């Protein structure tokens, strides 16, 4: 199993940016072959100080292998998602792990 986690800080001048990003992720990314599990959503608030609450949205995708994730990275739908959503991003952090 290979996990790809992307944390998005959206442009604060665009209040609808988190919703637009989530809708685009569902439209472009969810159906890409090789995905075992797909989850995208807004940051969940927490009373715990250790939980980062500075971001607005996150994406968690699991693949069967790193090779499947490598194919996802160059898939036309992924590239279109990045192209369409890049103006919404203020900052992006990615965590990949096996």
PDB file of N, CA and C in Angstrom:
ATOM      1  N   UNK A   1       0.852  -1.179   0.000  1.00  0.00           N
ATOM      2  CA  UNK A   1       0.000   0.000   0.000  1.00  0.00           C
ATOM      3  C   UNK A   1       0.894   1.236   0.000  1.00  0.00           C
ATOM      4  N   UNK A   2       0.458   2.266  -0.729  1.00  0.00           N
ATOM      5  CA  UNK A   2       1.198   3.525  -0.809  1.00  0.00           C
ATOM      6  C   UNK A   2       0.208   4.659  -0.577  1.00  0.00           C
ATOM      7  N   UNK A   3       0.517   5.544   0.347  1.00  0.00           N
ATOM      8  CA  UNK A   3      -0.367   6.668   0.679  1.00  0.00           C
ATOM      9  C   UNK A   3       0.203   7.981   0.179  1.00  0.00           C
ATOM     10  N   UNK A   4      -0.681   8.792  -0.370  1.00  0.00           N
ATOM     11  CA  UNK A   4      -0.346  10.120  -0.892  1.00  0.00           C
ATOM     12  C   UNK A   4      -1.276  11.098  -0.188  1.00  0.00           C
ATOM     13  N   UNK A   5      -0.712  11.937   0.666  1.00  0.00           N
ATOM     14  CA  UNK A   5      -1.492  12.897   1.447  1.00  0.00           C
ATOM     15  C   UNK A   5      -1.068  14.298   1.030  1.00  0.00           C
ATOM     16  N   UNK A   6      -2.050  15.117   0.675  1.00  0.00           N
ATOM     17  CA  UNK A   6      -1.768  16.488   0.241  1.00  0.00           C
ATOM     18  C   UNK A   6      -2.565  17.443   1.127  1.00  0.00           C
ATOM     19  N   UNK A   7      -1.859  18.402   1.717  1.00  0.00           N
ATOM     20  CA  UNK A   7      -2.480  19.396   2.585  1.00  0.00           C
ATOM     21  C   UNK A   7      -2.476  20.730   1.832  1.00  0.00           C
ATOM     22  N   UNK A   8      -3.644  21.381   1.770  1.00  0.00           N
ATOM     23  CA  UNK A   8      -3.799  22.618   1.011  1.00  0.00           C
ATOM     24  C   UNK A   8      -4.128  23.797   1.923  1.00  0.00           C
ATOM     25  N   UNK A   9      -3.355  24.849   1.778  1.00  0.00           N
ATOM     26  CA  UNK A   9      -3.697  26.141   2.335  1.00  0.00           C
ATOM     27  C   UNK A   9      -4.181  26.943   1.137  1.00  0.00           C
ATOM     28  N   UNK A  10      -5.409  27.414   1.190  1.00  0.00           N
ATOM     29  CA  UNK A  10      -5.983  28.089   0.034  1.00  0.00           C
ATOM     30  C   UNK A  10      -5.812  29.601   0.140  1.00  0.00           C
ATOM     31  N   UNK A  11      -5.981  30.258  -0.987  1.00  0.00           N
ATOM     32  CA  UNK A  11      -5.851  31.706  -1.089  1.00  0.00           C
ATOM     33  C   UNK A  11      -6.914  32.366  -0.209  1.00  0.00           C
ATOM     34  N   UNK A  12      -6.491  33.109   0.831  1.00  0.00           N
ATOM     35  CA  UNK A  12      -7.471  33.707   1.744  1.00  0.00           C
ATOM     36  C   UNK A  12      -8.376  34.743   1.076  1.00  0.00           C
ATOM     37  N   UNK A  13      -7.974  35.275  -0.073  1.00  0.00           N
ATOM     38  CA  UNK A  13      -8.817  36.247  -0.767  1.00  0.00           C
ATOM     39  C   UNK A  13      -9.951  35.573  -1.544  1.00  0.00           C
ATOM     40  N   UNK A  14      -9.936  34.228  -1.546  1.00  0.00           N
ATOM     41  CA  UNK A  14     -10.969  33.461  -2.251  1.00  0.00           C
ATOM     42  C   UNK A  14     -11.689  32.563  -1.247  1.00  0.00           C
ATOM     43  N   UNK A  15     -12.726  33.072  -0.592  1.00  0.00           N
ATOM     44  CA  UNK A  15     -13.401  32.310   0.466  1.00  0.00           C
ATOM     45  C   UNK A  15     -14.005  30.986  -0.001  1.00  0.00           C
ATOM     46  N   UNK A  16     -14.338  30.854  -1.275  1.00  0.00           N
ATOM     47  CA  UNK A  16     -14.901  29.608  -1.788  1.00  0.00           C
ATOM     48  C   UNK A  16     -13.840  28.628  -2.259  1.00  0.00           C
ATOM     49  N   UNK A  17     -12.570  28.998  -2.132  1.00  0.00           N
ATOM     50  CA  UNK A  17     -11.480  28.159  -2.643  1.00  0.00           C
ATOM     51  C   UNK A  17     -11.514  26.730  -2.094  1.00  0.00           C
ATOM     52  N   UNK A  18     -11.716  26.490  -0.795  1.00  0.00           N
ATOM     53  CA  UNK A  18     -11.745  25.103  -0.319  1.00  0.00           C
ATOM     54  C   UNK A  18     -12.834  24.268  -0.997  1.00  0.00           C
ATOM     55  N   UNK A  19     -14.019  24.845  -1.161  1.00  0.00           N
ATOM     56  CA  UNK A  19     -15.115  24.110  -1.811  1.00  0.00           C
ATOM     57  C   UNK A  19     -14.808  23.859  -3.289  1.00  0.00           C
ATOM     58  N   UNK A  20     -14.212  24.833  -3.963  1.00  0.00           N
ATOM     59  CA  UNK A  20     -13.850  24.669  -5.370  1.00  0.00           C
ATOM     60  C   UNK A  20     -12.796  23.578  -5.530  1.00  0.00           C
ATOM     61  N   UNK A  21     -11.817  23.578  -4.633  1.00  0.00           N
ATOM     62  CA  UNK A  21     -10.750  22.580  -4.672  1.00  0.00           C
ATOM     63  C   UNK A  21     -11.315  21.177  -4.455  1.00  0.00           C
ATOM     64  N   UNK A  22     -12.182  21.021  -3.486  1.00  0.00           N
ATOM     65  CA  UNK A  22     -12.777  19.716  -3.183  1.00  0.00           C
ATOM     66  C   UNK A  22     -13.609  19.226  -4.366  1.00  0.00           C
ATOM     67  N   UNK A  23     -14.399  20.111  -4.947  1.00  0.00           N
ATOM     68  CA  UNK A  23     -15.218  19.727  -6.101  1.00  0.00           C
ATOM     69  C   UNK A  23     -14.331  19.311  -7.278  1.00  0.00           C
ATOM     70  N   UNK A  24     -13.260  20.035  -7.516  1.00  0.00           N
ATOM     71  CA  UNK A  24     -12.345  19.696  -8.618  1.00  0.00           C
ATOM     72  C   UNK A  24     -11.637  18.373  -8.359  1.00  0.00           C
ATOM     73  N   UNK A  25     -11.249  18.122  -7.118  1.00  0.00           N
ATOM     74  CA  UNK A  25     -10.586  16.849  -6.790  1.00  0.00           C
ATOM     75  C   UNK A  25     -11.523  15.685  -7.087  1.00  0.00           C
ATOM     76  N   UNK A  26     -12.787  15.825  -6.695  1.00  0.00           N
ATOM     77  CA  UNK A  26     -13.758  14.764  -6.968  1.00  0.00           C
ATOM     78  C   UNK A  26     -13.973  14.599  -8.473  1.00  0.00           C
ATOM     79  N   UNK A  27     -14.021  15.707  -9.191  1.00  0.00           N
ATOM     80  CA  UNK A  27     -14.256  15.668 -10.638  1.00  0.00           C
ATOM     81  C   UNK A  27     -13.080  15.043 -11.399  1.00  0.00           C
ATOM     82  N   UNK A  28     -11.851  15.468 -11.079  1.00  0.00           N
ATOM     83  CA  UNK A  28     -10.689  15.068 -11.865  1.00  0.00           C
ATOM     84  C   UNK A  28      -9.922  13.871 -11.312  1.00  0.00           C
ATOM     85  N   UNK A  29      -9.869  13.718 -10.004  1.00  0.00           N
ATOM     86  CA  UNK A  29      -8.945  12.750  -9.416  1.00  0.00           C
ATOM     87  C   UNK A  29      -9.573  11.412  -9.037  1.00  0.00           C
ATOM     88  N   UNK A  30     -10.771  11.435  -8.532  1.00  0.00           N
ATOM     89  CA  UNK A  30     -11.370  10.237  -7.928  1.00  0.00           C
ATOM     90  C   UNK A  30     -11.441   9.048  -8.885  1.00  0.00           C
ATOM     91  N   UNK A  31     -11.600   9.296 -10.167  1.00  0.00           N
ATOM     92  CA  UNK A  31     -11.780   8.197 -11.125  1.00  0.00           C
ATOM     93  C   UNK A  31     -10.485   7.738 -11.793  1.00  0.00           C
ATOM     94  N   UNK A  32      -9.349   8.283 -11.379  1.00  0.00           N
ATOM     95  CA  UNK A  32      -8.085   7.882 -12.003  1.00  0.00           C
ATOM     96  C   UNK A  32      -7.784   6.430 -11.645  1.00  0.00           C
ATOM     97  N   UNK A  33      -7.442   5.615 -12.635  1.00  0.00           N
ATOM     98  CA  UNK A  33      -7.127   4.202 -12.371  1.00  0.00           C
ATOM     99  C   UNK A  33      -5.964   4.052 -11.381  1.00  0.00           C
ATOM    100  N   UNK A  34      -6.042   3.000 -10.583  1.00  0.00           N
ATOM    101  CA  UNK A  34      -4.982   2.703  -9.628  1.00  0.00           C
ATOM    102  C   UNK A  34      -5.271   3.154  -8.213  1.00  0.00           C
ATOM    103  N   UNK A  35      -6.307   3.979  -8.037  1.00  0.00           N
ATOM    104  CA  UNK A  35      -6.668   4.457  -6.704  1.00  0.00           C
ATOM    105  C   UNK A  35      -7.446   3.365  -5.975  1.00  0.00           C
ATOM    106  N   UNK A  36      -6.995   3.033  -4.768  1.00  0.00           N
ATOM    107  CA  UNK A  36      -7.677   2.057  -3.917  1.00  0.00           C
ATOM    108  C   UNK A  36      -8.649   2.767  -2.980  1.00  0.00           C
ATOM    109  N   UNK A  37      -8.239   3.921  -2.449  1.00  0.00           N
ATOM    110  CA  UNK A  37      -9.076   4.697  -1.532  1.00  0.00           C
ATOM    111  C   UNK A  37      -8.859   6.171  -1.825  1.00  0.00           C
ATOM    112  N   UNK A  38      -9.958   6.937  -1.890  1.00  0.00           N
ATOM    113  CA  UNK A  38      -9.910   8.369  -2.180  1.00  0.00           C
ATOM    114  C   UNK A  38     -10.724   9.101  -1.130  1.00  0.00           C
ATOM    115  N   UNK A  39     -10.134  10.127  -0.531  1.00  0.00           N
ATOM    116  CA  UNK A  39     -10.864  10.954   0.434  1.00  0.00           C
ATOM    117  C   UNK A  39     -10.342  12.375   0.340  1.00  0.00           C
ATOM    118  N   UNK A  40     -11.257  13.320   0.196  1.00  0.00           N
ATOM    119  CA  UNK A  40     -10.908  14.736   0.178  1.00  0.00           C
ATOM    120  C   UNK A  40     -11.917  15.463   1.050  1.00  0.00           C
ATOM    121  N   UNK A  41     -11.456  16.486   1.774  1.00  0.00           N
ATOM    122  CA  UNK A  41     -12.385  17.225   2.616  1.00  0.00           C
ATOM    123  C   UNK A  41     -11.741  18.438   3.254  1.00  0.00           C
ATOM    124  N   UNK A  42     -12.568  19.172   3.984  1.00  0.00           N
ATOM    125  CA  UNK A  42     -12.102  20.354   4.708  1.00  0.00           C
ATOM    126  C   UNK A  42     -11.461  19.933   6.031  1.00  0.00           C
ATOM    127  N   UNK A  43     -10.634  20.814   6.550  1.00  0.00           N
ATOM    128  CA  UNK A  43     -10.001  20.577   7.838  1.00  0.00           C
ATOM    129  C   UNK A  43     -11.081  20.367   8.903  1.00  0.00           C
ATOM    130  N   UNK A  44     -10.887  19.375   9.742  1.00  0.00           N
ATOM    131  CA  UNK A  44     -11.796  19.120  10.862  1.00  0.00           C
ATOM    132  C   UNK A  44     -11.250  19.823  12.097  1.00  0.00           C
ATOM    133  N   UNK A  45     -12.076  20.599  12.753  1.00  0.00           N
ATOM    134  CA  UNK A  45     -11.611  21.298  13.949  1.00  0.00           C
ATOM    135  C   UNK A  45     -11.357  20.301  15.079  1.00  0.00           C
ATOM    136  N   UNK A  46     -10.468  20.693  15.971  1.00  0.00           N
ATOM    137  CA  UNK A  46     -10.100  19.822  17.092  1.00  0.00           C
ATOM    138  C   UNK A  46      -9.798  20.670  18.319  1.00  0.00           C
ATOM    139  N   UNK A  47     -10.092  20.129  19.480  1.00  0.00           N
ATOM    140  CA  UNK A  47      -9.767  20.805  20.725  1.00  0.00           C
ATOM    141  C   UNK A  47      -8.319  20.513  21.152  1.00  0.00           C
ATOM    142  N   UNK A  48      -7.665  19.591  20.454  1.00  0.00           N
ATOM    143  CA  UNK A  48      -6.300  19.193  20.816  1.00  0.00           C
ATOM    144  C   UNK A  48      -5.282  20.145  20.194  1.00  0.00           C
ATOM    145  N   UNK A  49      -4.371  20.660  21.015  1.00  0.00           N
ATOM    146  CA  UNK A  49      -3.355  21.616  20.561  1.00  0.00           C
ATOM    147  C   UNK A  49      -2.393  21.014  19.542  1.00  0.00           C
ATOM    148  N   UNK A  50      -2.198  19.723  19.570  1.00  0.00           N
ATOM    149  CA  UNK A  50      -1.237  19.064  18.693  1.00  0.00           C
ATOM    150  C   UNK A  50      -1.736  18.976  17.240  1.00  0.00           C
ATOM    151  N   UNK A  51      -3.032  19.172  17.015  1.00  0.00           N
ATOM    152  CA  UNK A  51      -3.619  19.060  15.681  1.00  0.00           C
ATOM    153  C   UNK A  51      -3.476  20.380  14.933  1.00  0.00           C
ATOM    154  N   UNK A  52      -2.812  20.331  13.769  1.00  0.00           N
ATOM    155  CA  UNK A  52      -2.648  21.519  12.926  1.00  0.00           C
ATOM    156  C   UNK A  52      -4.009  21.945  12.391  1.00  0.00           C
ATOM    157  N   UNK A  53      -4.381  23.178  12.653  1.00  0.00           N
ATOM    158  CA  UNK A  53      -5.656  23.699  12.179  1.00  0.00           C
ATOM    159  C   UNK A  53      -5.470  24.954  11.328  1.00  0.00           C
ATOM    160  N   UNK A  54      -4.323  25.019  10.636  1.00  0.00           N
ATOM    161  CA  UNK A  54      -4.035  26.203   9.828  1.00  0.00           C
ATOM    162  C   UNK A  54      -4.379  26.013   8.354  1.00  0.00           C
ATOM    163  N   UNK A  55      -4.614  24.782   7.925  1.00  0.00           N
ATOM    164  CA  UNK A  55      -4.908  24.517   6.518  1.00  0.00           C
ATOM    165  C   UNK A  55      -6.420  24.534   6.296  1.00  0.00           C
ATOM    166  N   UNK A  56      -6.830  24.471   5.025  1.00  0.00           N
ATOM    167  CA  UNK A  56      -8.253  24.516   4.730  1.00  0.00           C
ATOM    168  C   UNK A  56      -8.812  23.209   4.158  1.00  0.00           C
ATOM    169  N   UNK A  57      -7.999  22.431   3.434  1.00  0.00           N
ATOM    170  CA  UNK A  57      -8.480  21.195   2.824  1.00  0.00           C
ATOM    171  C   UNK A  57      -7.342  20.190   2.730  1.00  0.00           C
ATOM    172  N   UNK A  58      -7.706  18.909   2.601  1.00  0.00           N
ATOM    173  CA  UNK A  58      -6.698  17.859   2.488  1.00  0.00           C
ATOM    174  C   UNK A  58      -7.219  16.748   1.586  1.00  0.00           C
ATOM    175  N   UNK A  59      -6.274  16.046   1.016  1.00  0.00           N
ATOM    176  CA  UNK A  59      -6.556  14.943   0.108  1.00  0.00           C
ATOM    177  C   UNK A  59      -5.759  13.739   0.586  1.00  0.00           C
ATOM    178  N   UNK A  60      -6.422  12.590   0.674  1.00  0.00           N
ATOM    179  CA  UNK A  60      -5.755  11.364   1.096  1.00  0.00           C
ATOM    180  C   UNK A  60      -6.095  10.285   0.072  1.00  0.00           C
ATOM    181  N   UNK A  61      -5.084   9.834  -0.655  1.00  0.00           N
ATOM    182  CA  UNK A  61      -5.295   8.802  -1.666  1.00  0.00           C
ATOM    183  C   UNK A  61      -4.375   7.635  -1.360  1.00  0.00           C
ATOM    184  N   UNK A  62      -4.920   6.429  -1.408  1.00  0.00           N
ATOM    185  CA  UNK A  62      -4.115   5.222  -1.245  1.00  0.00           C
ATOM    186  C   UNK A  62      -4.082   4.470  -2.568  1.00  0.00           C
ATOM    187  N   UNK A  63      -2.894   3.986  -2.875  1.00  0.00           N
ATOM    188  CA  UNK A  63      -2.655   3.210  -4.083  1.00  0.00           C
ATOM    189  C   UNK A  63      -2.137   1.836  -3.677  1.00  0.00           C
ATOM    190  N   UNK A  64      -2.267   0.886  -4.582  1.00  0.00           N
ATOM    191  CA  UNK A  64      -1.756  -0.460  -4.335  1.00  0.00           C
ATOM    192  C   UNK A  64      -0.235  -0.466  -4.245  1.00  0.00           C
ATOM    193  N   UNK A  65       0.421   0.465  -4.968  1.00  0.00           N
ATOM    194  CA  UNK A  65       1.891   0.487  -5.008  1.00  0.00           C
ATOM    195  C   UNK A  65       2.387   1.890  -5.343  1.00  0.00           C
ATOM    196  N   UNK A  66       3.668   2.108  -5.134  1.00  0.00           N
ATOM    197  CA  UNK A  66       4.286   3.375  -5.518  1.00  0.00           C
ATOM    198  C   UNK A  66       4.200   3.561  -7.023  1.00  0.00           C
ATOM    199  N   UNK A  67       4.318   2.479  -7.765  1.00  0.00           N
ATOM    200  CA  UNK A  67       4.236   2.561  -9.225  1.00  0.00           C
ATOM    201  C   UNK A  67       2.865   3.098  -9.671  1.00  0.00           C
ATOM    202  N   UNK A  68       1.808   2.678  -9.004  1.00  0.00           N
ATOM    203  CA  UNK A  68       0.472   3.183  -9.329  1.00  0.00           C
ATOM    204  C   UNK A  68       0.383   4.678  -9.036  1.00  0.00           C
ATOM    205  N   UNK A  69       1.006   5.117  -7.947  1.00  0.00           N
ATOM    206  CA  UNK A  69       1.027   6.533  -7.615  1.00  0.00           C
ATOM    207  C   UNK A  69       1.862   7.306  -8.634  1.00  0.00           C
ATOM    208  N   UNK A  70       2.953   6.725  -9.105  1.00  0.00           N
ATOM    209  CA  UNK A  70       3.775   7.379 -10.135  1.00  0.00           C
ATOM    210  C   UNK A  70       2.966   7.585 -11.418  1.00  0.00           C
ATOM    211  N   UNK A  71       2.154   6.602 -11.782  1.00  0.00           N
ATOM    212  CA  UNK A  71       1.305   6.720 -12.971  1.00  0.00           C
ATOM    213  C   UNK A  71       0.232   7.790 -12.772  1.00  0.00           C
ATOM    214  N   UNK A  72      -0.303   7.871 -11.569  1.00  0.00           N
ATOM    215  CA  UNK A  72      -1.289   8.903 -11.219  1.00  0.00           C
ATOM    216  C   UNK A  72      -0.704  10.299 -11.417  1.00  0.00           C
ATOM    217  N   UNK A  73       0.538  10.484 -11.024  1.00  0.00           N
ATOM    218  CA  UNK A  73       1.166  11.805 -11.092  1.00  0.00           C
ATOM    219  C   UNK A  73       1.207  12.379 -12.504  1.00  0.00           C
ATOM    220  N   UNK A  74       1.314  11.523 -13.511  1.00  0.00           N
ATOM    221  CA  UNK A  74       1.394  11.990 -14.898  1.00  0.00           C
ATOM    222  C   UNK A  74       0.090  11.781 -15.669  1.00  0.00           C
ATOM    223  N   UNK A  75      -0.931  11.302 -14.993  1.00  0.00           N
ATOM    224  CA  UNK A  75      -2.220  11.079 -15.645  1.00  0.00           C
ATOM    225  C   UNK A  75      -2.809  12.437 -16.076  1.00  0.00           C
ATOM    226  N   UNK A  76      -3.385  12.528 -17.270  1.00  0.00           N
ATOM    227  CA  UNK A  76      -3.942  13.800 -17.755  1.00  0.00           C
ATOM    228  C   UNK A  76      -4.968  14.438 -16.814  1.00  0.00           C
ATOM    229  N   UNK A  77      -5.779  13.639 -16.129  1.00  0.00           N
ATOM    230  CA  UNK A  77      -6.767  14.206 -15.199  1.00  0.00           C
ATOM    231  C   UNK A  77      -6.082  14.844 -13.992  1.00  0.00           C
ATOM    232  N   UNK A  78      -4.988  14.247 -13.508  1.00  0.00           N
ATOM    233  CA  UNK A  78      -4.246  14.848 -12.399  1.00  0.00           C
ATOM    234  C   UNK A  78      -3.620  16.155 -12.846  1.00  0.00           C
ATOM    235  N   UNK A  79      -3.029  16.147 -14.034  1.00  0.00           N
ATOM    236  CA  UNK A  79      -2.399  17.361 -14.558  1.00  0.00           C
ATOM    237  C   UNK A  79      -3.440  18.466 -14.762  1.00  0.00           C
ATOM    238  N   UNK A  80      -4.637  18.098 -15.196  1.00  0.00           N
ATOM    239  CA  UNK A  80      -5.712  19.089 -15.368  1.00  0.00           C
ATOM    240  C   UNK A  80      -6.167  19.640 -14.019  1.00  0.00           C
ATOM    241  N   UNK A  81      -6.256  18.775 -13.000  1.00  0.00           N
ATOM    242  CA  UNK A  81      -6.603  19.237 -11.653  1.00  0.00           C
ATOM    243  C   UNK A  81      -5.598  20.279 -11.175  1.00  0.00           C
ATOM    244  N   UNK A  82      -4.329  19.982 -11.322  1.00  0.00           N
ATOM    245  CA  UNK A  82      -3.284  20.926 -10.887  1.00  0.00           C
ATOM    246  C   UNK A  82      -3.414  22.233 -11.667  1.00  0.00           C
ATOM    247  N   UNK A  83      -3.595  22.142 -12.961  1.00  0.00           N
ATOM    248  CA  UNK A  83      -3.722  23.328 -13.804  1.00  0.00           C
ATOM    249  C   UNK A  83      -4.932  24.178 -13.405  1.00  0.00           C
ATOM    250  N   UNK A  84      -6.063  23.536 -13.188  1.00  0.00           N
ATOM    251  CA  UNK A  84      -7.287  24.255 -12.832  1.00  0.00           C
ATOM    252  C   UNK A  84      -7.240  24.850 -11.424  1.00  0.00           C
ATOM    253  N   UNK A  85      -6.596  24.152 -10.498  1.00  0.00           N
ATOM    254  CA  UNK A  85      -6.663  24.546  -9.088  1.00  0.00           C
ATOM    255  C   UNK A  85      -5.463  25.340  -8.587  1.00  0.00           C
ATOM    256  N   UNK A  86      -4.408  25.381  -9.347  1.00  0.00           N
ATOM    257  CA  UNK A  86      -3.204  26.085  -8.887  1.00  0.00           C
ATOM    258  C   UNK A  86      -3.498  27.513  -8.399  1.00  0.00           C
ATOM    259  N   UNK A  87      -4.386  28.264  -9.064  1.00  0.00           N
ATOM    260  CA  UNK A  87      -4.695  29.616  -8.552  1.00  0.00           C
ATOM    261  C   UNK A  87      -5.358  29.624  -7.170  1.00  0.00           C
ATOM    262  N   UNK A  88      -5.901  28.493  -6.749  1.00  0.00           N
ATOM    263  CA  UNK A  88      -6.549  28.414  -5.439  1.00  0.00           C
ATOM    264  C   UNK A  88      -5.560  28.187  -4.305  1.00  0.00           C
ATOM    265  N   UNK A  89      -4.362  27.713  -4.629  1.00  0.00           N
ATOM    266  CA  UNK A  89      -3.375  27.312  -3.618  1.00  0.00           C
ATOM    267  C   UNK A  89      -2.554  28.504  -3.124  1.00  0.00           C
ATOM    268  N   UNK A  90      -2.432  28.630  -1.817  1.00  0.00           N
ATOM    269  CA  UNK A  90      -1.462  29.543  -1.217  1.00  0.00           C
ATOM    270  C   UNK A  90      -0.213  28.744  -0.831  1.00  0.00           C
ATOM    271  N   UNK A  91      -0.438  27.482  -0.438  1.00  0.00           N
ATOM    272  CA  UNK A  91       0.655  26.591  -0.019  1.00  0.00           C
ATOM    273  C   UNK A  91       0.144  25.163  -0.128  1.00  0.00           C
ATOM    274  N   UNK A  92       1.040  24.267  -0.500  1.00  0.00           N
ATOM    275  CA  UNK A  92       0.719  22.846  -0.583  1.00  0.00           C
ATOM    276  C   UNK A  92       1.858  22.054   0.044  1.00  0.00           C
ATOM    277  N   UNK A  93       1.516  21.080   0.885  1.00  0.00           N
ATOM    278  CA  UNK A  93       2.513  20.173   1.465  1.00  0.00           C
ATOM    279  C   UNK A  93       2.060  18.758   1.169  1.00  0.00           C
ATOM    280  N   UNK A  94       3.007  17.932   0.720  1.00  0.00           N
ATOM    281  CA  UNK A  94       2.691  16.558   0.330  1.00  0.00           C
ATOM    282  C   UNK A  94       3.462  15.584   1.208  1.00  0.00           C
ATOM    283  N   UNK A  95       2.778  14.542   1.659  1.00  0.00           N
ATOM    284  CA  UNK A  95       3.371  13.450   2.427  1.00  0.00           C
ATOM    285  C   UNK A  95       3.090  12.149   1.679  1.00  0.00           C
ATOM    286  N   UNK A  96       4.132  11.463   1.261  1.00  0.00           N
ATOM    287  CA  UNK A  96       4.003  10.156   0.627  1.00  0.00           C
ATOM    288  C   UNK A  96       4.666   9.133   1.538  1.00  0.00           C
ATOM    289  N   UNK A  97       4.009   7.987   1.737  1.00  0.00           N
ATOM    290  CA  UNK A  97       4.624   6.947   2.567  1.00  0.00           C
ATOM    291  C   UNK A  97       4.094   5.578   2.203  1.00  0.00           C
ATOM    292  N   UNK A  98       4.943   4.570   2.467  1.00  0.00           N
ATOM    293  CA  UNK A  98       4.586   3.168   2.210  1.00  0.00           C
ATOM    294  C   UNK A  98       4.121   2.524   3.492  1.00  0.00           C
TER     295      UNK A  98
END
